[in-house]
């Protein structure tokens, strides 16, 4: 079972590299071809729409994404969505329609692909552990998150360099080809066997509410992650605006992103070594509290570039632990359809929350100022971590004395 796990991790790494470099190249293509600055965000903006609604339209699809060939189809759709813009550039028709269509197609594929990949990794890790392997879902999901974070650090500058070296058009074609190759490689990943047998077809679709109500620790974790996603604009937009206010445009956000990214990679390297020994809820509380404290301290470190980088590194070092703890909880407390539902809810709330935060963040910063908004987002994350943990422990304590007939199995079905 190690071979499909390694394949999935490598494919995740390749697809994330492509996504990060695409984020650099596409705005430049849009600006060069249309001459309108407002078009630069169309692909990213429209890619977020399917994500926000994935829990609704993806209900009949996510239960089918349980094997490599099924994921290969979604990956191929992602490659086709990426190809829309370079094909349009060849015929001189890069316009708002092409950009929006590319965003919708890639966003739809991405909304399905991320949760399905994590769920399949957890399925294989279950089978690997059942056969005597030493690594379960928590450790393998932590390795997958490491691949994601490494791509986050080096892919954007690599994409910027390649834009200068080869141009945006060839870069987009190369990225499309890389994702297409990943789709072909995905065909080699088999279907994972169910740890407890196949779930009857009538029970395949498990509502998100049932999954979260029966697993308070997961519910608290996804809420913490969702609030963390909403608050992300306090870091990204806040530092950008703060740099302008201190007459250091670009310097503070560059220092913050660099410190955050490098520290998050180092943290991700450590997580797989100890994740099986640490309590899940405590990991989440410490992680989101530390990230919130870092957000609140950043305005105090400005305008010192080294200080901003150091404080941002504190937040970056904390972030992987909370995500690893939530992924571990989902891997350990769910399986089958319930597992796919939980990973989808996690993705929708965190990534969708980040999109909504960025959408409203500029107006909020303009209203109250960058520094107060950064402090407010930090305090909100700390309060969410403390409140979420207290609620989860209280509800879990109450559920321990609930009559057995009212409890749910791992699949989210009453027993």
Protein backbone atom coordinates (compact mmCIF):
# COMPACT_ATOMS: atom_id res chain seq x y z
CA UNK A 1 0.00 0.00 0.00
CA UNK A 2 3.01 2.32 0.17
CA UNK A 3 3.24 2.63 -3.62
CA UNK A 4 -0.17 4.30 -4.15
CA UNK A 5 0.45 6.51 -1.12
CA UNK A 6 3.76 7.70 -2.55
CA UNK A 7 2.18 8.22 -5.98
CA UNK A 8 -0.62 10.32 -4.52
CA UNK A 9 1.86 12.44 -2.56
CA UNK A 10 4.01 13.07 -5.63
CA UNK A 11 0.97 13.90 -7.77
CA UNK A 12 -0.24 16.35 -5.12
CA UNK A 13 3.18 18.00 -5.21
CA UNK A 14 3.16 18.32 -9.00
CA UNK A 15 -0.38 19.67 -9.21
CA UNK A 16 0.28 22.26 -6.50
CA UNK A 17 3.45 23.43 -8.24
CA UNK A 18 1.38 23.94 -11.39
CA UNK A 19 -1.32 25.80 -9.48
CA UNK A 20 1.17 28.16 -7.82
CA UNK A 21 3.00 28.97 -11.05
CA UNK A 22 -0.32 29.44 -12.86
CA UNK A 23 -1.30 32.01 -10.24
CA UNK A 24 1.76 34.01 -11.31
CA UNK A 25 1.36 33.60 -15.08
CA UNK A 26 -2.39 34.01 -15.63
CA UNK A 27 -2.76 37.61 -14.36
CA UNK A 28 0.11 38.65 -16.63
CA UNK A 29 -1.50 36.96 -19.63
CA UNK A 30 -4.83 38.63 -18.86
CA UNK A 31 -3.23 42.06 -18.55
CA UNK A 32 -1.12 41.66 -21.69
CA UNK A 33 -3.96 40.36 -23.85
CA UNK A 34 -6.82 42.57 -22.62
CA UNK A 35 -5.00 45.68 -21.43
CA UNK A 36 -7.48 45.87 -18.52
CA UNK A 37 -6.28 45.51 -14.93
CA UNK A 38 -9.69 44.32 -13.71
CA UNK A 39 -9.38 41.10 -15.74
CA UNK A 40 -6.29 39.91 -13.84
CA UNK A 41 -8.36 38.46 -11.00
CA UNK A 42 -11.10 36.85 -13.07
CA UNK A 43 -9.64 33.34 -13.16
CA UNK A 44 -8.96 33.24 -9.42
CA UNK A 45 -12.27 34.87 -8.58
CA UNK A 46 -14.37 32.51 -10.67
CA UNK A 47 -12.36 29.52 -9.44
CA UNK A 48 -13.65 30.28 -5.95
CA UNK A 49 -17.32 30.04 -6.94
CA UNK A 50 -17.46 26.23 -7.36
CA UNK A 51 -15.53 25.83 -4.11
CA UNK A 52 -18.07 27.82 -2.09
CA UNK A 53 -20.91 25.67 -3.42
CA UNK A 54 -19.12 22.30 -3.62
CA UNK A 55 -20.97 20.87 -0.61
CA UNK A 56 -24.19 21.26 -2.63
CA UNK A 57 -23.38 20.39 -6.26
CA UNK A 58 -20.68 17.82 -5.41
CA UNK A 59 -22.87 15.57 -3.25
CA UNK A 60 -23.45 13.02 -6.00
CA UNK A 61 -19.84 13.09 -7.19
CA UNK A 62 -17.56 12.91 -4.18
CA UNK A 63 -18.71 9.38 -3.21
CA UNK A 64 -17.57 8.19 -6.65
CA UNK A 65 -14.02 9.55 -6.32
CA UNK A 66 -12.60 6.52 -4.54
CA UNK A 67 -9.92 5.36 -6.98
CA UNK A 68 -7.05 6.61 -9.10
CA UNK A 69 -8.94 6.38 -12.43
CA UNK A 70 -11.80 8.46 -11.01
CA UNK A 71 -9.37 11.11 -9.79
CA UNK A 72 -7.55 10.94 -13.13
CA UNK A 73 -10.73 12.13 -14.86
CA UNK A 74 -10.99 15.14 -12.53
CA UNK A 75 -7.27 15.91 -12.99
CA UNK A 76 -7.72 15.76 -16.77
CA UNK A 77 -10.62 18.23 -16.48
CA UNK A 78 -8.30 20.49 -14.49
CA UNK A 79 -5.71 20.29 -17.28
CA UNK A 80 -8.39 21.12 -19.86
CA UNK A 81 -9.40 24.17 -17.82
CA UNK A 82 -5.80 25.36 -17.71
CA UNK A 83 -5.50 24.92 -21.48
CA UNK A 84 -8.38 27.32 -22.20
CA UNK A 85 -6.28 30.46 -21.77
CA UNK A 86 -3.21 29.45 -23.86
CA UNK A 87 -5.53 28.10 -26.59
CA UNK A 88 -7.43 31.39 -26.56
CA UNK A 89 -4.11 33.26 -26.76
CA UNK A 90 -3.15 31.28 -29.87
CA UNK A 91 -6.25 32.49 -31.69
CA UNK A 92 -6.13 35.97 -30.20
CA UNK A 93 -9.32 35.61 -28.17
CA UNK A 94 -8.24 36.02 -24.55
CA UNK A 95 -11.16 37.94 -23.11
CA UNK A 96 -13.31 37.96 -19.99
CA UNK A 97 -15.32 34.97 -21.21
CA UNK A 98 -12.23 32.77 -21.67
CA UNK A 99 -10.78 33.83 -18.32
CA UNK A 100 -14.04 33.20 -16.45
CA UNK A 101 -14.53 29.83 -18.16
CA UNK A 102 -11.00 28.76 -17.24
CA UNK A 103 -11.62 29.75 -13.63
CA UNK A 104 -14.92 27.87 -13.44
CA UNK A 105 -13.48 24.66 -14.92
CA UNK A 106 -10.30 24.62 -12.83
CA UNK A 107 -12.24 25.69 -9.72
CA UNK A 108 -14.75 22.87 -10.19
CA UNK A 109 -11.97 20.30 -10.61
CA UNK A 110 -10.03 21.68 -7.66
CA UNK A 111 -13.07 21.66 -5.36
CA UNK A 112 -13.46 17.93 -6.00
CA UNK A 113 -9.81 16.97 -6.26
CA UNK A 114 -8.43 18.29 -2.96
CA UNK A 115 -10.85 16.54 -0.57
CA UNK A 116 -10.88 13.36 -2.70
CA UNK A 117 -7.09 13.11 -2.68
CA UNK A 118 -6.92 13.49 1.10
CA UNK A 119 -9.71 10.97 1.60
CA UNK A 120 -8.01 8.43 -0.68
CA UNK A 121 -4.69 8.93 1.11
CA UNK A 122 -6.46 8.23 4.41
CA UNK A 123 -8.11 5.12 2.92
CA UNK A 124 -4.77 3.70 1.77
CA UNK A 125 -3.13 4.62 5.07
CA UNK A 126 -5.86 2.68 6.89
CA UNK A 127 -5.15 -0.37 4.76
CA UNK A 128 -1.40 0.09 5.22
CA UNK A 129 -1.77 0.22 9.02
CA UNK A 130 -4.11 -2.80 9.00
CA UNK A 131 -1.37 -4.81 7.26
CA UNK A 132 1.15 -3.96 9.96
CA UNK A 133 2.47 -0.65 8.61
CA UNK A 134 3.73 1.88 11.13
CA UNK A 135 2.22 4.96 9.45
CA UNK A 136 -1.50 5.68 9.67
CA UNK A 137 -3.66 8.44 8.16
CA UNK A 138 -2.32 11.19 10.44
CA UNK A 139 1.27 10.72 9.29
CA UNK A 140 0.54 10.31 5.58
CA UNK A 141 -1.77 13.31 5.51
CA UNK A 142 0.96 15.33 7.23
CA UNK A 143 3.42 14.33 4.47
CA UNK A 144 0.88 15.44 1.87
CA UNK A 145 0.52 18.81 3.62
CA UNK A 146 4.32 19.13 3.58
CA UNK A 147 4.31 18.68 -0.21
CA UNK A 148 1.68 21.42 -0.43
CA UNK A 149 3.72 23.83 1.70
CA UNK A 150 7.01 23.21 -0.11
CA UNK A 151 5.29 24.06 -3.39
CA UNK A 152 3.89 27.21 -1.77
CA UNK A 153 7.39 28.47 -0.99
CA UNK A 154 9.36 27.81 -4.16
CA UNK A 155 6.78 27.60 -6.97
CA UNK A 156 5.77 31.34 -7.10
CA UNK A 157 9.35 32.66 -7.47
CA UNK A 158 10.10 29.84 -9.92
CA UNK A 159 7.02 30.84 -11.91
CA UNK A 160 8.10 34.49 -11.89
CA UNK A 161 11.55 33.53 -13.16
CA UNK A 162 10.10 31.30 -15.89
CA UNK A 163 7.78 34.09 -17.03
CA UNK A 164 10.88 36.19 -17.71
CA UNK A 165 12.92 33.29 -19.14
CA UNK A 166 10.39 31.59 -21.45
CA UNK A 167 7.30 33.80 -21.45
CA UNK A 168 3.78 33.32 -20.14
CA UNK A 169 2.45 31.31 -23.10
CA UNK A 170 5.05 28.51 -23.03
CA UNK A 171 4.84 28.41 -19.23
CA UNK A 172 1.07 27.85 -19.32
CA UNK A 173 1.49 25.10 -21.92
CA UNK A 174 4.14 23.40 -19.76
CA UNK A 175 1.87 23.56 -16.71
CA UNK A 176 -1.03 22.13 -18.69
CA UNK A 177 1.18 19.28 -19.90
CA UNK A 178 2.42 18.58 -16.36
CA UNK A 179 -1.14 18.32 -15.02
CA UNK A 180 -2.09 16.08 -17.96
CA UNK A 181 0.85 13.78 -17.15
CA UNK A 182 -0.27 13.73 -13.52
CA UNK A 183 -3.71 12.57 -14.71
CA UNK A 184 -2.11 9.71 -16.63
CA UNK A 185 0.02 8.70 -13.64
CA UNK A 186 -3.09 8.79 -11.45
CA UNK A 187 -4.46 5.86 -13.49
CA UNK A 188 -1.89 3.64 -11.75
CA UNK A 189 -3.49 4.28 -8.34
CA UNK A 190 -5.99 1.51 -7.55
CA UNK A 191 -9.17 1.76 -5.52
CA UNK A 192 -8.63 1.59 -1.77
CA UNK A 193 -10.37 -1.20 0.09
CA UNK A 194 -12.86 -0.21 2.77
CA UNK A 195 -11.58 -0.91 6.26
CA UNK A 196 -14.97 -2.08 7.40
CA UNK A 197 -16.49 -3.30 4.15
CA UNK A 198 -18.46 -1.42 1.58
CA UNK A 199 -21.16 0.90 2.85
CA UNK A 200 -24.63 -0.01 1.55
CA UNK A 201 -25.68 2.16 -1.37
CA UNK A 202 -28.58 3.69 0.54
CA UNK A 203 -26.12 5.02 3.10
CA UNK A 204 -23.50 6.37 0.65
CA UNK A 205 -24.50 10.01 1.00
CA UNK A 206 -23.91 11.27 4.51
CA UNK A 207 -25.12 14.83 5.20
CA UNK A 208 -22.47 17.21 6.48
CA UNK A 209 -24.64 18.09 9.47
CA UNK A 210 -24.76 14.45 10.60
CA UNK A 211 -20.98 14.10 10.33
CA UNK A 212 -20.29 17.26 12.31
CA UNK A 213 -22.95 16.72 14.98
CA UNK A 214 -21.69 13.23 15.75
CA UNK A 215 -18.02 14.31 15.88
CA UNK A 216 -17.68 17.52 17.91
CA UNK A 217 -13.89 17.62 17.70
CA UNK A 218 -14.02 17.62 13.90
CA UNK A 219 -16.79 20.24 13.98
CA UNK A 220 -14.72 22.49 16.23
CA UNK A 221 -11.68 21.98 14.02
CA UNK A 222 -13.39 22.93 10.77
CA UNK A 223 -14.88 26.03 12.43
CA UNK A 224 -11.42 27.07 13.68
CA UNK A 225 -10.05 26.50 10.19
CA UNK A 226 -12.90 28.42 8.59
CA UNK A 227 -12.37 31.43 10.87
CA UNK A 228 -8.64 31.19 10.22
CA UNK A 229 -9.33 31.30 6.48
CA UNK A 230 -11.59 34.37 6.85
CA UNK A 231 -8.91 36.11 8.93
CA UNK A 232 -6.09 35.44 6.45
CA UNK A 233 -6.64 38.82 4.79
CA UNK A 234 -5.41 40.44 8.01
CA UNK A 235 -1.98 38.97 7.25
CA UNK A 236 -1.78 39.28 3.47
CA UNK A 237 -3.67 42.51 2.79
CA UNK A 238 -2.80 43.99 6.18
CA UNK A 239 0.95 43.73 5.66
CA UNK A 240 0.68 45.05 2.10
CA UNK A 241 -1.23 48.16 3.24
CA UNK A 242 0.95 48.59 6.33
CA UNK A 243 4.03 48.65 4.11
CA UNK A 244 2.57 51.49 2.09
CA UNK A 245 1.69 53.41 5.26
CA UNK A 246 5.31 53.11 6.44
CA UNK A 247 6.61 54.10 2.99
CA UNK A 248 8.02 50.60 2.46
CA UNK A 249 5.73 49.25 -0.29
CA UNK A 250 6.22 45.55 -0.89
CA UNK A 251 8.94 45.15 1.74
CA UNK A 252 6.77 44.12 4.68
CA UNK A 253 4.55 41.70 2.77
CA UNK A 254 7.62 40.09 1.16
CA UNK A 255 9.30 39.69 4.55
CA UNK A 256 6.12 38.35 6.13
CA UNK A 257 5.39 35.85 3.39
CA UNK A 258 8.99 34.64 3.32
CA UNK A 259 9.17 34.17 7.09
CA UNK A 260 5.76 32.48 7.17
CA UNK A 261 6.49 30.17 4.24
CA UNK A 262 9.93 28.99 5.38
CA UNK A 263 8.78 28.39 8.96
CA UNK A 264 5.68 26.51 7.80
CA UNK A 265 7.83 24.15 5.73
CA UNK A 266 10.12 23.50 8.71
CA UNK A 267 7.09 22.88 10.89
CA UNK A 268 5.65 20.51 8.28
CA UNK A 269 8.89 18.52 8.33
CA UNK A 270 8.55 17.99 12.07
CA UNK A 271 4.82 17.19 12.17
CA UNK A 272 4.95 13.64 10.69
CA UNK A 273 7.57 12.60 13.24
CA UNK A 274 5.45 13.34 16.30
CA UNK A 275 1.84 13.70 15.14
CA UNK A 276 0.85 10.27 16.43
CA UNK A 277 1.97 11.19 19.93
CA UNK A 278 0.16 14.49 20.39
CA UNK A 279 -3.45 15.14 21.49
CA UNK A 280 -5.53 16.39 18.56
CA UNK A 281 -7.58 19.13 20.21
CA UNK A 282 -4.58 20.54 22.07
CA UNK A 283 -2.66 20.70 18.79
CA UNK A 284 -5.45 22.68 17.18
CA UNK A 285 -5.83 25.09 20.08
CA UNK A 286 -2.09 25.80 20.29
CA UNK A 287 -1.81 26.15 16.51
CA UNK A 288 -4.66 28.61 15.95
CA UNK A 289 -3.85 30.51 19.13
CA UNK A 290 -0.22 30.90 18.04
CA UNK A 291 -1.28 32.05 14.58
CA UNK A 292 -3.68 34.58 16.09
CA UNK A 293 -1.01 35.93 18.44
CA UNK A 294 1.34 36.35 15.48
CA UNK A 295 -1.30 38.32 13.55
CA UNK A 296 -1.85 40.62 16.54
CA UNK A 297 1.89 41.20 17.07
CA UNK A 298 2.75 42.02 13.44
CA UNK A 299 1.76 45.71 13.62
CA UNK A 300 4.02 46.08 16.68
CA UNK A 301 6.97 44.62 14.76
CA UNK A 302 6.49 46.97 11.79
CA UNK A 303 8.20 48.72 10.10
CA UNK A 304 11.22 46.58 11.02
CA UNK A 305 11.57 44.05 8.19
CA UNK A 306 13.46 41.50 10.27
CA UNK A 307 10.93 41.83 13.08
CA UNK A 308 8.01 41.28 10.70
CA UNK A 309 9.74 38.21 9.23
CA UNK A 310 10.37 36.79 12.72
CA UNK A 311 6.79 37.29 13.94
CA UNK A 312 5.38 35.89 10.69
CA UNK A 313 7.67 32.89 11.12
CA UNK A 314 6.03 32.26 14.51
CA UNK A 315 2.65 32.04 12.77
CA UNK A 316 4.05 29.90 9.96
CA UNK A 317 5.57 27.45 12.42
CA UNK A 318 2.20 27.08 14.19
CA UNK A 319 -0.05 26.64 11.12
CA UNK A 320 0.87 23.06 10.04
CA UNK A 321 0.05 21.59 13.46
CA UNK A 322 -3.59 22.62 13.46
CA UNK A 323 -4.16 21.39 9.93
CA UNK A 324 -2.40 18.10 10.66
CA UNK A 325 -4.49 17.61 13.82
CA UNK A 326 -7.77 18.19 11.97
CA UNK A 327 -6.76 15.87 9.12
CA UNK A 328 -5.78 13.25 11.70
CA UNK A 329 -9.16 13.54 13.42
CA UNK A 330 -11.00 13.12 10.12
CA UNK A 331 -8.82 10.15 9.19
CA UNK A 332 -9.32 8.46 12.56
CA UNK A 333 -12.99 9.19 13.26
CA UNK A 334 -14.49 8.71 9.78
CA UNK A 335 -14.33 6.45 6.77
CA UNK A 336 -16.13 6.01 3.47
CA UNK A 337 -18.73 8.64 2.55
CA UNK A 338 -18.49 10.38 5.93
CA UNK A 339 -14.75 10.86 5.41
CA UNK A 340 -15.25 12.48 2.00
CA UNK A 341 -17.96 14.71 3.38
CA UNK A 342 -15.73 15.85 6.25
CA UNK A 343 -12.79 16.68 3.98
CA UNK A 344 -15.12 18.61 1.67
CA UNK A 345 -16.52 20.66 4.55
CA UNK A 346 -12.97 21.38 5.74
CA UNK A 347 -11.96 22.62 2.28
CA UNK A 348 -15.10 24.69 1.73
CA UNK A 349 -14.92 26.45 5.09
CA UNK A 350 -11.17 27.14 5.08
CA UNK A 351 -10.52 28.00 1.42
CA UNK A 352 -13.99 29.48 0.89
CA UNK A 353 -13.56 31.53 4.05
CA UNK A 354 -10.24 32.84 2.75
CA UNK A 355 -11.92 33.94 -0.49
CA UNK A 356 -14.69 35.72 1.39
CA UNK A 357 -12.19 37.35 3.73
CA UNK A 358 -10.13 38.68 0.85
CA UNK A 359 -13.28 39.94 -0.82
CA UNK A 360 -14.32 42.02 2.19
CA UNK A 361 -10.89 42.59 3.71
CA UNK A 362 -9.90 45.60 1.64
CA UNK A 363 -13.02 47.50 2.65
CA UNK A 364 -12.58 46.58 6.33
CA UNK A 365 -8.94 47.70 6.34
CA UNK A 366 -9.93 50.93 4.62
CA UNK A 367 -12.57 51.51 7.29
CA UNK A 368 -10.64 50.80 10.50
CA UNK A 369 -7.01 50.81 9.33
CA UNK A 370 -4.48 48.05 8.70
CA UNK A 371 -2.97 47.75 12.18
CA UNK A 372 -6.28 47.61 14.12
CA UNK A 373 -7.67 45.10 11.62
CA UNK A 374 -4.63 42.85 11.98
CA UNK A 375 -5.00 42.89 15.76
CA UNK A 376 -8.73 42.19 15.44
CA UNK A 377 -8.21 39.17 13.16
CA UNK A 378 -5.56 37.82 15.54
CA UNK A 379 -7.82 38.18 18.58
CA UNK A 380 -10.70 36.54 16.68
CA UNK A 381 -8.56 33.48 15.92
CA UNK A 382 -7.51 33.14 19.55
CA UNK A 383 -11.11 33.40 20.74
CA UNK A 384 -12.24 30.88 18.10
CA UNK A 385 -9.57 28.38 19.23
CA UNK A 386 -10.47 28.67 22.91
CA UNK A 387 -14.22 28.71 22.36
CA UNK A 388 -14.18 25.87 19.83
CA UNK A 389 -12.13 23.64 22.10
CA UNK A 390 -14.30 24.35 25.14
CA UNK A 391 -17.45 23.56 23.15
CA UNK A 392 -16.01 20.35 21.68
CA UNK A 393 -14.93 19.01 25.06
CA UNK A 394 -18.28 19.89 26.64
CA UNK A 395 -20.31 18.26 23.86
CA UNK A 396 -18.05 15.22 23.81
CA UNK A 397 -18.47 14.82 27.55
CA UNK A 398 -22.24 14.93 27.15
CA UNK A 399 -22.16 12.41 24.31
CA UNK A 400 -20.22 9.93 26.45
CA UNK A 401 -23.36 9.40 28.54
CA UNK A 402 -25.78 9.39 25.59
CA UNK A 403 -27.74 6.15 25.10
CA UNK A 404 -25.97 3.84 22.65
CA UNK A 405 -28.92 3.70 20.25
CA UNK A 406 -28.51 7.43 19.52
CA UNK A 407 -24.83 7.28 18.64
CA UNK A 408 -23.47 7.16 15.11
CA UNK A 409 -21.04 4.76 13.56
CA UNK A 410 -17.93 5.88 11.67
CA UNK A 411 -20.02 6.09 8.52
CA UNK A 412 -22.43 8.57 10.13
CA UNK A 413 -25.31 6.02 10.16
CA UNK A 414 -27.29 5.45 13.43
CA UNK A 415 -26.66 2.06 14.95
